[in-house]
N, C-alpha and C. Protein backbone atom coordinates (compact mmCIF):
# COMPACT_ATOMS: atom_id res chain seq x y z
N MET A 1 6.05 43.43 62.83
CA MET A 1 7.23 44.19 62.30
C MET A 1 6.85 44.78 60.84
N SER A 2 6.89 46.03 60.74
CA SER A 2 6.38 46.69 59.65
C SER A 2 7.32 46.53 58.44
N ASN A 3 8.66 46.66 58.62
CA ASN A 3 9.56 46.60 57.52
C ASN A 3 10.44 45.35 57.73
N LYS A 4 10.89 44.77 56.57
CA LYS A 4 11.67 43.55 56.64
C LYS A 4 13.08 43.85 57.27
N LYS A 5 13.42 42.88 58.01
CA LYS A 5 14.79 43.10 58.74
C LYS A 5 15.55 41.79 58.29
N THR A 6 16.89 41.95 58.19
CA THR A 6 17.80 40.87 57.87
C THR A 6 18.22 40.29 59.19
N PHE A 7 18.11 38.96 59.29
CA PHE A 7 18.55 38.21 60.45
C PHE A 7 19.76 37.25 60.24
N ALA A 8 20.66 37.38 61.10
CA ALA A 8 21.71 36.49 61.07
C ALA A 8 21.56 35.36 62.08
N VAL A 9 21.48 34.07 61.65
CA VAL A 9 21.32 33.02 62.67
C VAL A 9 22.69 32.26 62.72
N ILE A 10 23.26 32.35 63.91
CA ILE A 10 24.67 31.85 64.18
C ILE A 10 24.38 30.47 64.79
N ASN A 11 25.07 29.55 64.28
CA ASN A 11 25.06 28.08 64.90
C ASN A 11 23.68 27.55 64.45
N VAL A 12 23.40 27.41 63.19
CA VAL A 12 22.08 26.87 62.70
C VAL A 12 22.05 25.31 62.92
N SER A 13 22.93 24.71 63.48
CA SER A 13 22.93 23.27 63.76
C SER A 13 22.12 22.90 64.98
N GLU A 14 21.80 23.87 65.90
CA GLU A 14 20.90 23.59 67.01
C GLU A 14 19.52 23.62 66.62
N PRO A 15 18.69 22.71 67.11
CA PRO A 15 17.26 22.63 66.64
C PRO A 15 16.50 23.95 66.74
N LYS A 16 16.67 24.69 67.76
CA LYS A 16 15.87 26.06 67.89
C LYS A 16 16.38 27.07 66.95
N SER A 17 17.64 27.04 66.65
CA SER A 17 18.18 27.95 65.72
C SER A 17 17.64 27.60 64.26
N LEU A 18 17.66 26.36 64.00
CA LEU A 18 17.24 25.88 62.71
C LEU A 18 15.61 26.27 62.60
N PHE A 19 14.93 25.93 63.59
CA PHE A 19 13.52 26.21 63.51
C PHE A 19 13.29 27.59 63.36
N LEU A 20 13.83 28.58 63.98
CA LEU A 20 13.70 29.95 63.91
C LEU A 20 14.17 30.45 62.42
N ALA A 21 15.30 29.98 61.97
CA ALA A 21 15.73 30.22 60.62
C ALA A 21 14.66 30.01 59.60
N LYS A 22 14.08 28.79 59.67
CA LYS A 22 13.05 28.45 58.74
C LYS A 22 11.89 29.38 58.86
N GLN A 23 11.34 29.62 60.05
CA GLN A 23 10.22 30.47 60.24
C GLN A 23 10.43 31.95 59.79
N ILE A 24 11.57 32.41 60.07
CA ILE A 24 11.96 33.80 59.69
C ILE A 24 12.07 34.02 58.28
N ALA A 25 12.75 32.88 57.54
CA ALA A 25 12.89 32.99 56.07
C ALA A 25 11.63 33.01 55.25
N LYS A 26 10.53 32.77 55.93
CA LYS A 26 9.22 32.84 55.29
C LYS A 26 8.77 34.31 54.87
N ALA A 27 9.34 35.26 55.60
CA ALA A 27 9.04 36.71 55.44
C ALA A 27 10.29 37.66 55.43
N ASN A 28 11.50 37.18 55.93
CA ASN A 28 12.53 38.07 55.93
C ASN A 28 13.78 37.39 55.45
N PRO A 29 14.79 38.16 55.01
CA PRO A 29 16.01 37.70 54.54
C PRO A 29 16.81 37.06 55.80
N VAL A 30 17.39 35.96 55.57
CA VAL A 30 18.21 35.26 56.60
C VAL A 30 19.62 34.98 56.10
N LEU A 31 20.55 35.27 56.98
CA LEU A 31 21.98 34.97 56.68
C LEU A 31 22.32 33.75 57.79
N LEU A 32 22.86 32.65 57.16
CA LEU A 32 23.06 31.41 57.97
C LEU A 32 24.55 31.34 58.21
N PHE A 33 24.93 31.02 59.44
CA PHE A 33 26.31 30.60 59.72
C PHE A 33 26.41 29.45 60.64
N ASP A 34 27.29 28.49 60.30
CA ASP A 34 27.52 27.41 61.25
C ASP A 34 28.96 27.06 60.99
N GLN A 35 29.80 26.59 62.00
CA GLN A 35 31.11 26.23 61.86
C GLN A 35 31.36 24.95 61.05
N ASN A 36 30.27 24.13 60.98
CA ASN A 36 30.37 22.98 60.08
C ASN A 36 29.76 23.30 58.74
N PRO A 37 30.58 23.28 57.70
CA PRO A 37 30.10 23.70 56.32
C PRO A 37 29.15 22.68 55.73
N THR A 38 29.26 21.41 56.21
CA THR A 38 28.20 20.34 55.68
C THR A 38 26.90 20.75 56.25
N THR A 39 26.78 20.98 57.51
CA THR A 39 25.61 21.37 58.14
C THR A 39 24.93 22.60 57.60
N LEU A 40 25.79 23.56 57.34
CA LEU A 40 25.37 24.85 56.80
C LEU A 40 24.75 24.66 55.44
N LEU A 41 25.36 23.75 54.58
CA LEU A 41 24.91 23.45 53.24
C LEU A 41 23.43 22.71 53.32
N GLU A 42 23.45 21.85 54.33
CA GLU A 42 22.14 21.10 54.53
C GLU A 42 21.04 21.93 54.83
N VAL A 43 21.36 22.86 55.86
CA VAL A 43 20.13 23.68 56.39
C VAL A 43 19.77 24.67 55.28
N HIS A 44 20.77 25.18 54.50
CA HIS A 44 20.41 26.11 53.38
C HIS A 44 19.61 25.47 52.38
N THR A 45 19.89 24.25 52.06
CA THR A 45 19.17 23.52 50.95
C THR A 45 17.79 23.10 51.53
N GLN A 46 17.69 22.74 52.77
CA GLN A 46 16.45 22.43 53.42
C GLN A 46 15.45 23.49 53.36
N ILE A 47 15.97 24.68 53.75
CA ILE A 47 15.14 25.89 53.76
C ILE A 47 14.55 26.24 52.33
N LEU A 48 15.48 26.16 51.42
CA LEU A 48 15.11 26.52 49.95
C LEU A 48 14.13 25.52 49.39
N ILE A 49 14.31 24.19 49.81
CA ILE A 49 13.24 23.23 49.31
C ILE A 49 11.92 23.48 49.93
N GLU A 50 11.88 23.84 51.24
CA GLU A 50 10.69 24.02 51.94
C GLU A 50 10.06 25.40 51.41
N ASN A 51 10.89 26.32 51.13
CA ASN A 51 10.38 27.64 50.70
C ASN A 51 11.38 28.23 49.57
N PRO A 52 11.01 27.83 48.32
CA PRO A 52 11.87 28.35 47.20
C PRO A 52 11.91 29.80 47.04
N GLU A 53 11.05 30.59 47.60
CA GLU A 53 11.16 32.04 47.56
C GLU A 53 11.91 32.50 48.61
N ALA A 54 12.39 31.89 49.42
CA ALA A 54 13.14 32.46 50.67
C ALA A 54 14.44 33.15 50.32
N LYS A 55 14.67 34.22 50.93
CA LYS A 55 15.97 35.06 50.72
C LYS A 55 16.88 34.49 51.80
N VAL A 56 17.61 33.49 51.58
CA VAL A 56 18.42 32.91 52.43
C VAL A 56 19.93 32.73 51.91
N GLU A 57 20.92 33.07 52.68
CA GLU A 57 22.21 33.07 52.18
C GLU A 57 23.19 32.43 53.21
N MET A 58 24.08 31.55 52.66
CA MET A 58 25.06 30.93 53.55
C MET A 58 26.25 31.90 53.77
N MET A 59 26.77 32.02 54.93
CA MET A 59 27.93 32.86 55.20
C MET A 59 28.99 32.04 55.79
N ILE A 60 30.22 32.23 55.37
CA ILE A 60 31.32 31.49 55.83
C ILE A 60 31.98 32.16 56.97
N CYS A 61 31.51 33.25 57.43
CA CYS A 61 32.16 34.03 58.50
C CYS A 61 31.11 34.57 59.44
N PRO A 62 31.17 34.36 60.71
CA PRO A 62 30.13 34.96 61.65
C PRO A 62 30.23 36.44 61.66
N THR A 63 31.32 36.98 61.40
CA THR A 63 31.44 38.44 61.43
C THR A 63 30.79 39.09 60.42
N ASN A 64 30.90 38.56 59.23
CA ASN A 64 30.27 39.08 57.93
C ASN A 64 28.79 38.85 58.10
N ALA A 65 28.35 37.81 58.52
CA ALA A 65 26.80 37.58 58.77
C ALA A 65 26.29 38.56 59.72
N SER A 66 27.01 38.85 60.78
CA SER A 66 26.55 39.76 61.79
C SER A 66 26.61 41.19 61.31
N TRP A 67 27.61 41.44 60.49
CA TRP A 67 27.72 42.80 59.98
C TRP A 67 26.52 43.16 59.08
N GLU A 68 26.07 42.33 58.28
CA GLU A 68 25.06 42.55 57.27
C GLU A 68 23.72 42.45 57.91
N ALA A 69 23.55 41.93 59.12
CA ALA A 69 22.23 41.70 59.60
C ALA A 69 21.69 42.95 60.50
N ASP A 70 20.41 42.99 60.66
CA ASP A 70 19.76 43.93 61.56
C ASP A 70 19.69 43.39 62.97
N ILE A 71 19.45 42.12 62.91
CA ILE A 71 19.15 41.32 64.23
C ILE A 71 20.08 40.01 64.12
N ILE A 72 20.82 39.76 65.28
CA ILE A 72 21.65 38.55 65.37
C ILE A 72 21.09 37.64 66.38
N ILE A 73 20.92 36.33 65.89
CA ILE A 73 20.34 35.37 66.74
C ILE A 73 21.52 34.30 67.05
N LEU A 74 21.78 34.17 68.30
CA LEU A 74 22.84 33.34 68.73
C LEU A 74 22.22 32.11 69.55
N SER A 75 22.66 30.88 69.25
CA SER A 75 22.04 29.69 70.10
C SER A 75 22.81 29.93 71.42
N ASN A 76 22.33 29.02 72.39
CA ASN A 76 22.85 29.03 73.77
C ASN A 76 24.40 28.71 73.59
N TYR A 77 24.80 27.73 72.74
CA TYR A 77 26.25 27.45 72.70
C TYR A 77 27.08 28.74 72.11
N ALA A 78 26.55 29.20 71.12
CA ALA A 78 27.23 30.33 70.53
C ALA A 78 27.36 31.52 71.37
N ALA A 79 26.40 31.77 72.20
CA ALA A 79 26.34 32.81 73.17
C ALA A 79 27.43 32.82 74.18
N THR A 80 27.78 31.52 74.52
CA THR A 80 28.73 31.36 75.55
C THR A 80 30.17 31.14 75.04
N ASP A 81 30.25 31.16 73.70
CA ASP A 81 31.60 30.96 73.03
C ASP A 81 32.32 32.33 72.98
N ILE A 82 33.24 32.57 73.90
CA ILE A 82 33.88 33.79 73.93
C ILE A 82 34.64 34.27 72.79
N ILE A 83 35.30 33.29 72.11
CA ILE A 83 35.95 33.63 70.82
C ILE A 83 34.97 34.04 69.69
N LEU A 84 33.82 33.43 69.59
CA LEU A 84 32.77 33.92 68.73
C LEU A 84 32.25 35.18 69.13
N ALA A 85 32.00 35.46 70.33
CA ALA A 85 31.53 36.81 70.78
C ALA A 85 32.56 37.93 70.41
N GLU A 86 33.72 37.68 70.66
CA GLU A 86 34.78 38.51 70.26
C GLU A 86 34.75 38.92 68.84
N LYS A 87 34.52 37.99 67.94
CA LYS A 87 34.51 37.99 66.45
C LYS A 87 33.28 39.05 66.02
N ILE A 88 32.27 38.88 66.74
CA ILE A 88 31.12 39.72 66.32
C ILE A 88 30.70 40.97 67.12
N ARG A 89 31.43 41.14 68.21
CA ARG A 89 31.17 42.10 69.17
C ARG A 89 31.01 43.64 68.43
N LYS A 90 32.09 43.89 67.75
CA LYS A 90 32.03 45.25 67.25
C LYS A 90 30.96 45.50 66.16
N VAL A 91 30.70 44.39 65.32
CA VAL A 91 29.68 44.59 64.24
C VAL A 91 28.33 44.47 64.77
N ALA A 92 28.13 44.10 66.09
CA ALA A 92 26.84 44.00 66.66
C ALA A 92 26.43 45.34 67.43
N THR A 93 27.24 46.28 67.27
CA THR A 93 26.97 47.61 67.97
C THR A 93 25.62 48.14 67.52
N GLY A 94 24.74 48.47 68.51
CA GLY A 94 23.48 49.07 68.13
C GLY A 94 22.34 48.09 67.58
N LYS A 95 22.76 46.89 67.62
CA LYS A 95 21.76 45.83 66.97
C LYS A 95 21.20 45.01 68.11
N ILE A 96 20.12 44.43 67.81
CA ILE A 96 19.55 43.45 68.75
C ILE A 96 20.25 42.12 68.65
N VAL A 97 20.72 41.62 69.75
CA VAL A 97 21.52 40.28 69.87
C VAL A 97 20.42 39.42 70.64
N LEU A 98 19.79 38.41 70.05
CA LEU A 98 18.86 37.58 70.65
C LEU A 98 19.66 36.19 70.98
N ILE A 99 19.59 35.94 72.33
CA ILE A 99 20.24 34.75 72.80
C ILE A 99 19.15 33.78 73.11
N LEU A 100 19.43 32.49 72.48
CA LEU A 100 18.40 31.45 72.62
C LEU A 100 18.87 30.49 73.72
N GLU A 101 18.14 30.49 74.83
CA GLU A 101 18.49 29.58 75.98
C GLU A 101 17.46 28.52 75.98
N ASN A 102 17.89 27.34 76.58
CA ASN A 102 16.82 26.33 76.86
C ASN A 102 17.15 25.67 78.15
N GLU A 103 16.11 24.95 78.72
CA GLU A 103 16.16 24.30 79.95
C GLU A 103 17.29 23.19 79.94
N LYS A 104 17.43 22.45 78.79
CA LYS A 104 18.42 21.51 78.76
C LYS A 104 19.97 21.99 78.86
N ASN A 105 20.18 23.21 78.40
CA ASN A 105 21.49 23.71 78.44
C ASN A 105 21.49 25.13 78.99
N PRO A 106 21.11 25.29 80.27
CA PRO A 106 21.01 26.72 80.71
C PRO A 106 22.34 27.29 80.92
N MET A 107 22.33 28.67 80.81
CA MET A 107 23.57 29.39 81.09
C MET A 107 23.62 29.63 82.60
N HIS A 108 24.77 29.31 83.01
CA HIS A 108 25.01 29.32 84.56
C HIS A 108 25.52 30.66 84.93
N PHE A 109 24.74 31.68 84.91
CA PHE A 109 25.13 33.03 85.35
C PHE A 109 24.07 33.44 86.40
N GLU A 110 24.56 34.29 87.25
CA GLU A 110 23.57 34.82 88.34
C GLU A 110 22.40 35.63 87.68
N ASN A 111 22.94 36.49 86.74
CA ASN A 111 21.96 37.34 85.96
C ASN A 111 22.48 37.23 84.63
N PRO A 112 21.86 36.36 83.82
CA PRO A 112 22.30 36.07 82.45
C PRO A 112 22.27 37.25 81.55
N VAL A 113 21.24 38.03 81.66
CA VAL A 113 21.14 39.22 80.82
C VAL A 113 22.34 40.19 80.98
N ASP A 114 22.57 40.50 82.33
CA ASP A 114 23.71 41.29 82.67
C ASP A 114 25.02 40.87 82.04
N LYS A 115 25.30 39.56 82.29
CA LYS A 115 26.47 38.88 81.85
C LYS A 115 26.61 38.79 80.30
N LEU A 116 25.48 38.64 79.55
CA LEU A 116 25.38 38.72 78.18
C LEU A 116 25.64 40.15 77.66
N GLN A 117 25.07 41.10 78.37
CA GLN A 117 25.14 42.47 78.00
C GLN A 117 26.68 42.88 78.06
N GLN A 118 27.40 42.23 79.05
CA GLN A 118 28.89 42.51 79.09
C GLN A 118 29.55 41.92 77.96
N LEU A 119 29.16 40.87 77.36
CA LEU A 119 29.84 40.44 76.04
C LEU A 119 29.48 41.35 74.91
N PHE A 120 28.29 41.86 74.91
CA PHE A 120 27.89 42.71 73.88
C PHE A 120 27.40 44.11 74.39
N PRO A 121 28.42 44.89 74.93
CA PRO A 121 28.15 46.16 75.64
C PRO A 121 27.37 47.27 74.88
N PHE A 122 27.43 47.16 73.52
CA PHE A 122 26.84 48.38 72.79
C PHE A 122 25.68 47.72 71.91
N SER A 123 25.13 46.53 72.36
CA SER A 123 24.05 45.91 71.64
C SER A 123 22.88 45.87 72.54
N LYS A 124 21.80 45.49 71.93
CA LYS A 124 20.42 45.36 72.79
C LYS A 124 20.32 43.92 72.93
N VAL A 125 20.64 43.40 74.08
CA VAL A 125 20.69 41.97 74.37
C VAL A 125 19.36 41.56 74.83
N ILE A 126 18.77 40.38 74.21
CA ILE A 126 17.46 39.97 74.57
C ILE A 126 17.73 38.41 74.74
N GLN A 127 17.24 37.98 75.81
CA GLN A 127 17.45 36.48 76.14
C GLN A 127 16.01 35.84 75.98
N SER A 128 15.92 34.79 75.19
CA SER A 128 14.81 33.98 74.96
C SER A 128 15.00 32.67 75.66
N ILE A 129 14.00 32.48 76.70
CA ILE A 129 14.18 31.42 77.45
C ILE A 129 12.97 30.35 77.22
N GLU A 130 13.45 29.10 76.81
CA GLU A 130 12.57 28.07 76.45
C GLU A 130 12.57 27.08 77.52
N ILE A 131 11.45 26.99 78.26
CA ILE A 131 11.40 26.00 79.39
C ILE A 131 10.80 24.66 78.96
N PRO A 132 9.64 24.69 78.36
CA PRO A 132 9.21 23.26 77.93
C PRO A 132 9.92 22.78 76.69
N GLU A 133 9.68 21.45 76.55
CA GLU A 133 10.27 20.69 75.42
C GLU A 133 9.78 21.13 74.05
N ASP A 134 8.50 21.42 74.04
CA ASP A 134 7.91 21.71 72.75
C ASP A 134 8.30 23.10 72.37
N LEU A 135 8.76 23.15 71.01
CA LEU A 135 9.20 24.40 70.45
C LEU A 135 8.15 25.48 70.24
N THR A 136 6.94 25.12 70.23
CA THR A 136 5.78 26.04 70.01
C THR A 136 5.22 26.45 71.35
N SER A 137 5.65 25.92 72.46
CA SER A 137 5.09 26.28 73.76
C SER A 137 5.55 27.69 74.19
N SER A 138 5.16 27.89 75.30
CA SER A 138 5.54 29.36 75.92
C SER A 138 7.09 29.59 75.95
N LEU A 139 7.33 30.86 75.56
CA LEU A 139 8.73 31.28 75.62
C LEU A 139 8.71 32.57 76.46
N PHE A 140 9.87 32.85 77.08
CA PHE A 140 9.95 34.07 77.91
C PHE A 140 11.14 34.96 77.38
N LEU A 141 10.83 36.18 77.34
CA LEU A 141 11.86 37.14 76.89
C LEU A 141 12.29 37.93 78.04
N LYS A 142 13.68 38.19 78.07
CA LYS A 142 14.29 39.01 79.19
C LYS A 142 15.15 39.98 78.53
N GLY A 143 15.09 41.26 78.95
CA GLY A 143 16.20 42.22 78.38
C GLY A 143 15.89 43.57 78.98
N LYS A 144 16.72 44.55 78.77
CA LYS A 144 16.58 45.81 79.38
C LYS A 144 16.06 46.98 78.24
N ASP A 145 16.17 46.67 77.02
CA ASP A 145 15.64 47.64 76.07
C ASP A 145 14.27 47.19 75.65
N ALA A 146 13.26 48.17 75.89
CA ALA A 146 11.93 47.95 75.57
C ALA A 146 11.59 47.87 74.18
N ASP A 147 12.24 48.67 73.42
CA ASP A 147 12.02 48.53 71.91
C ASP A 147 12.47 47.15 71.38
N ALA A 148 13.69 46.77 71.76
CA ALA A 148 14.23 45.45 71.32
C ALA A 148 13.25 44.24 71.85
N LEU A 149 12.73 44.46 72.98
CA LEU A 149 11.81 43.34 73.53
C LEU A 149 10.53 43.34 72.68
N LYS A 150 10.02 44.48 72.38
CA LYS A 150 8.91 44.69 71.51
C LYS A 150 9.06 44.05 70.16
N THR A 151 10.20 44.35 69.60
CA THR A 151 10.61 43.76 68.26
C THR A 151 10.43 42.20 68.28
N ILE A 152 11.21 41.65 69.20
CA ILE A 152 11.31 40.18 69.30
C ILE A 152 9.89 39.62 69.65
N LEU A 153 9.25 40.29 70.56
CA LEU A 153 7.87 39.78 70.95
C LEU A 153 7.05 39.69 69.63
N THR A 154 7.09 40.82 68.84
CA THR A 154 6.34 40.77 67.63
C THR A 154 6.72 39.70 66.62
N LEU A 155 8.03 39.62 66.50
CA LEU A 155 8.54 38.39 65.63
C LEU A 155 8.01 37.02 66.10
N TYR A 156 8.22 36.76 67.44
CA TYR A 156 7.82 35.59 67.91
C TYR A 156 6.25 35.36 67.87
N THR A 157 5.52 36.34 68.06
CA THR A 157 4.08 36.29 67.93
C THR A 157 3.66 35.96 66.38
N ASN A 158 4.42 36.63 65.47
CA ASN A 158 4.02 36.41 64.12
C ASN A 158 4.44 34.92 63.76
N ILE A 159 5.38 34.40 64.32
CA ILE A 159 5.88 33.08 64.10
C ILE A 159 4.81 32.06 64.71
N GLY A 160 4.09 32.43 65.65
CA GLY A 160 3.05 31.54 66.40
C GLY A 160 3.46 31.13 67.79
N PHE A 161 4.56 31.78 68.26
CA PHE A 161 4.99 31.34 69.69
C PHE A 161 4.00 32.08 70.64
N LYS A 162 3.82 31.41 71.75
CA LYS A 162 3.21 32.04 72.89
C LYS A 162 4.34 32.73 73.68
N THR A 163 4.44 34.00 73.74
CA THR A 163 5.55 34.70 74.39
C THR A 163 5.24 35.65 75.52
N ASN A 164 5.88 35.62 76.47
CA ASN A 164 5.70 36.60 77.68
C ASN A 164 7.05 37.24 77.85
N ILE A 165 7.06 38.45 78.46
CA ILE A 165 8.17 39.16 78.75
C ILE A 165 8.39 39.12 80.24
N LEU A 166 9.58 38.71 80.73
CA LEU A 166 9.94 38.65 82.04
C LEU A 166 10.51 39.92 82.47
N ILE A 167 10.03 40.54 83.67
CA ILE A 167 10.60 41.80 84.16
C ILE A 167 11.51 41.58 85.31
């Protein structure tokens, strides 16, 4: 990724979201949101302790975090929360919405990308599927927008993930 993008990480209390927030904050601005203010403060503090130069900000509203971001990252739980999706749908227009899914808590849709695209009809929805337990093992990306897939593939590769695109 040639220029810095701002990332909103929604529901940073989930391990995958936290791990991504820490990794992304090494090179890009990150906006953090979690419904639990204590968790939000702990994550913010932890990132700054590990990386004092990080541009990381706590957000008290998922809509504001999503509005200010170029790319929105939603945990598996956040992606299936219809109320949360309604709050950020309009401000996610034209943006990449990265949905983190894992084998422990799979989304039960016949075609998850299509269902998620319905939640965010004017966004570029990318689904990140983690199958193994190890966060640094292979991940798979699925989506319909080639440029958005390339952006997330580049992000993941820069972080050190072994990533493949599912067609």
